[in-house]
Amino acid sequence: MAQFPTISQKGWLAIGDAWIDAAAAQEARIAFAAYNHNRQEEWALREITPCLQLSAWQAGAVQEILAWRQKSLSCQNSWNPL
């Protein structure tokens, strides 16, 4: 983020497949999108509520991200690292 200071925090979206990715997004105070539906139990265990849930990297994922961005540039992620 420091390399792109003209982009506000609301303009960033972190995408990850592990709880530590959500923790990094939380620390940076940016939105988090979860990738990989196989980890839904772990997301629930750690009380992670991603702004967006992506299941595959393809054109559809890009469309999902763009649609989410149109709806809201802000998202309150919740998580509870154990």
C-alpha atoms as a PDB file:
ATOM      1  CA  MET A   1       0.000   0.000   0.000  1.00  0.00           C
ATOM      2  CA  ALA A   2       2.898   2.331   0.703  1.00  0.00           C
ATOM      3  CA  GLN A   3       3.941   2.018  -2.937  1.00  0.00           C
ATOM      4  CA  PHE A   4       0.552   3.357  -4.081  1.00  0.00           C
ATOM      5  CA  PRO A   5      -0.295   6.183  -1.666  1.00  0.00           C
ATOM      6  CA  THR A   6      -2.895   7.674  -4.018  1.00  0.00           C
ATOM      7  CA  ILE A   7      -5.147   4.642  -3.517  1.00  0.00           C
ATOM      8  CA  SER A   8      -7.231   4.984  -0.356  1.00  0.00           C
ATOM      9  CA  GLN A   9      -7.786   2.090   2.038  1.00  0.00           C
ATOM     10  CA  LYS A  10     -11.313   1.717   0.663  1.00  0.00           C
ATOM     11  CA  GLY A  11      -9.820   1.071  -2.767  1.00  0.00           C
ATOM     12  CA  TRP A  12      -7.926  -2.039  -1.686  1.00  0.00           C
ATOM     13  CA  LEU A  13      -9.153  -5.632  -1.570  1.00  0.00           C
ATOM     14  CA  ALA A  14      -7.045  -8.434  -0.110  1.00  0.00           C
ATOM     15  CA  ILE A  15      -7.746 -11.914  -1.479  1.00  0.00           C
ATOM     16  CA  GLY A  16      -6.555 -14.968   0.389  1.00  0.00           C
ATOM     17  CA  ASP A  17      -7.219 -18.573   1.276  1.00  0.00           C
ATOM     18  CA  ALA A  18      -6.042 -18.694   4.891  1.00  0.00           C
ATOM     19  CA  TRP A  19      -7.046 -17.039   8.140  1.00  0.00           C
ATOM     20  CA  ILE A  20      -3.668 -15.295   8.297  1.00  0.00           C
ATOM     21  CA  ASP A  21      -4.585 -13.515   5.055  1.00  0.00           C
ATOM     22  CA  ALA A  22      -7.727 -12.214   6.753  1.00  0.00           C
ATOM     23  CA  ALA A  23      -5.634 -11.135   9.735  1.00  0.00           C
ATOM     24  CA  ALA A  24      -3.283  -9.190   7.458  1.00  0.00           C
ATOM     25  CA  ALA A  25      -6.238  -7.480   5.772  1.00  0.00           C
ATOM     26  CA  GLN A  26      -7.685  -6.621   9.173  1.00  0.00           C
ATOM     27  CA  GLU A  27      -4.379  -5.163  10.341  1.00  0.00           C
ATOM     28  CA  ALA A  28      -4.141  -3.086   7.155  1.00  0.00           C
ATOM     29  CA  ARG A  29      -7.812  -2.100   7.609  1.00  0.00           C
ATOM     30  CA  ILE A  30      -8.769  -3.199   4.122  1.00  0.00           C
ATOM     31  CA  ALA A  31     -11.541  -5.434   2.794  1.00  0.00           C
ATOM     32  CA  PHE A  32     -10.925  -9.188   2.572  1.00  0.00           C
ATOM     33  CA  ALA A  33     -12.213 -11.672  -0.001  1.00  0.00           C
ATOM     34  CA  ALA A  34     -11.889 -15.376   0.773  1.00  0.00           C
ATOM     35  CA  TYR A  35     -10.785 -17.771  -1.934  1.00  0.00           C
ATOM     36  CA  ASN A  36     -11.430 -21.491  -1.613  1.00  0.00           C
ATOM     37  CA  HIS A  37     -14.768 -22.760  -0.341  1.00  0.00           C
ATOM     38  CA  ASN A  38     -12.971 -25.747   1.212  1.00  0.00           C
ATOM     39  CA  ARG A  39     -12.026 -23.598   4.194  1.00  0.00           C
ATOM     40  CA  GLN A  40     -15.498 -22.463   5.227  1.00  0.00           C
ATOM     41  CA  GLU A  41     -15.250 -24.415   8.486  1.00  0.00           C
ATOM     42  CA  GLU A  42     -12.010 -22.628   9.342  1.00  0.00           C
ATOM     43  CA  TRP A  43     -13.554 -19.237   8.456  1.00  0.00           C
ATOM     44  CA  ALA A  44     -16.458 -20.013  10.804  1.00  0.00           C
ATOM     45  CA  LEU A  45     -14.185 -21.328  13.585  1.00  0.00           C
ATOM     46  CA  ARG A  46     -12.189 -18.109  13.564  1.00  0.00           C
ATOM     47  CA  GLU A  47     -15.300 -15.975  13.095  1.00  0.00           C
ATOM     48  CA  ILE A  48     -14.081 -14.580   9.783  1.00  0.00           C
ATOM     49  CA  THR A  49     -16.741 -12.942   7.644  1.00  0.00           C
ATOM     50  CA  PRO A  50     -15.205 -12.133   4.269  1.00  0.00           C
ATOM     51  CA  CYS A  51     -16.701  -9.364   2.142  1.00  0.00           C
ATOM     52  CA  LEU A  52     -16.704 -11.733  -0.793  1.00  0.00           C
ATOM     53  CA  GLN A  53     -16.335 -15.508  -1.290  1.00  0.00           C
ATOM     54  CA  LEU A  54     -14.538 -16.575  -4.486  1.00  0.00           C
ATOM     55  CA  SER A  55     -14.601 -20.196  -5.582  1.00  0.00           C
ATOM     56  CA  ALA A  56     -12.435 -20.183  -8.720  1.00  0.00           C
ATOM     57  CA  TRP A  57      -9.950 -17.999 -10.570  1.00  0.00           C
ATOM     58  CA  GLN A  58     -11.567 -17.340 -13.900  1.00  0.00           C
ATOM     59  CA  ALA A  59     -13.389 -14.518 -15.669  1.00  0.00           C
ATOM     60  CA  GLY A  60     -16.338 -15.053 -13.320  1.00  0.00           C
ATOM     61  CA  ALA A  61     -14.190 -14.165 -10.293  1.00  0.00           C
ATOM     62  CA  VAL A  62     -13.233 -10.849 -11.841  1.00  0.00           C
ATOM     63  CA  GLN A  63     -16.898 -10.137 -12.528  1.00  0.00           C
ATOM     64  CA  GLU A  64     -17.772 -10.976  -8.901  1.00  0.00           C
ATOM     65  CA  ILE A  65     -15.104  -8.581  -7.629  1.00  0.00           C
ATOM     66  CA  LEU A  66     -16.270  -5.792  -9.929  1.00  0.00           C
ATOM     67  CA  ALA A  67     -19.899  -6.323  -8.902  1.00  0.00           C
ATOM     68  CA  TRP A  68     -18.938  -6.228  -5.220  1.00  0.00           C
ATOM     69  CA  ARG A  69     -16.930  -3.055  -5.786  1.00  0.00           C
ATOM     70  CA  GLN A  70     -19.924  -1.388  -7.408  1.00  0.00           C
ATOM     71  CA  LYS A  71     -22.100  -2.221  -4.384  1.00  0.00           C
ATOM     72  CA  SER A  72     -19.773  -1.077  -1.667  1.00  0.00           C
ATOM     73  CA  LEU A  73     -16.220   0.134  -1.429  1.00  0.00           C
ATOM     74  CA  SER A  74     -16.267  -0.471   2.283  1.00  0.00           C
ATOM     75  CA  CYS A  75     -16.778  -3.668   4.179  1.00  0.00           C
ATOM     76  CA  GLN A  76     -16.384  -4.416   7.829  1.00  0.00           C
ATOM     77  CA  ASN A  77     -14.576  -7.736   8.017  1.00  0.00           C
ATOM     78  CA  SER A  78     -14.908  -9.572  11.261  1.00  0.00           C
ATOM     79  CA  TRP A  79     -12.490 -12.158  12.512  1.00  0.00           C
ATOM     80  CA  ASN A  80     -11.235 -13.579  15.732  1.00  0.00           C
ATOM     81  CA  PRO A  81      -7.782 -15.155  15.601  1.00  0.00           C
ATOM     82  CA  LEU A  82      -7.566 -18.026  18.062  1.00  0.00           C
END
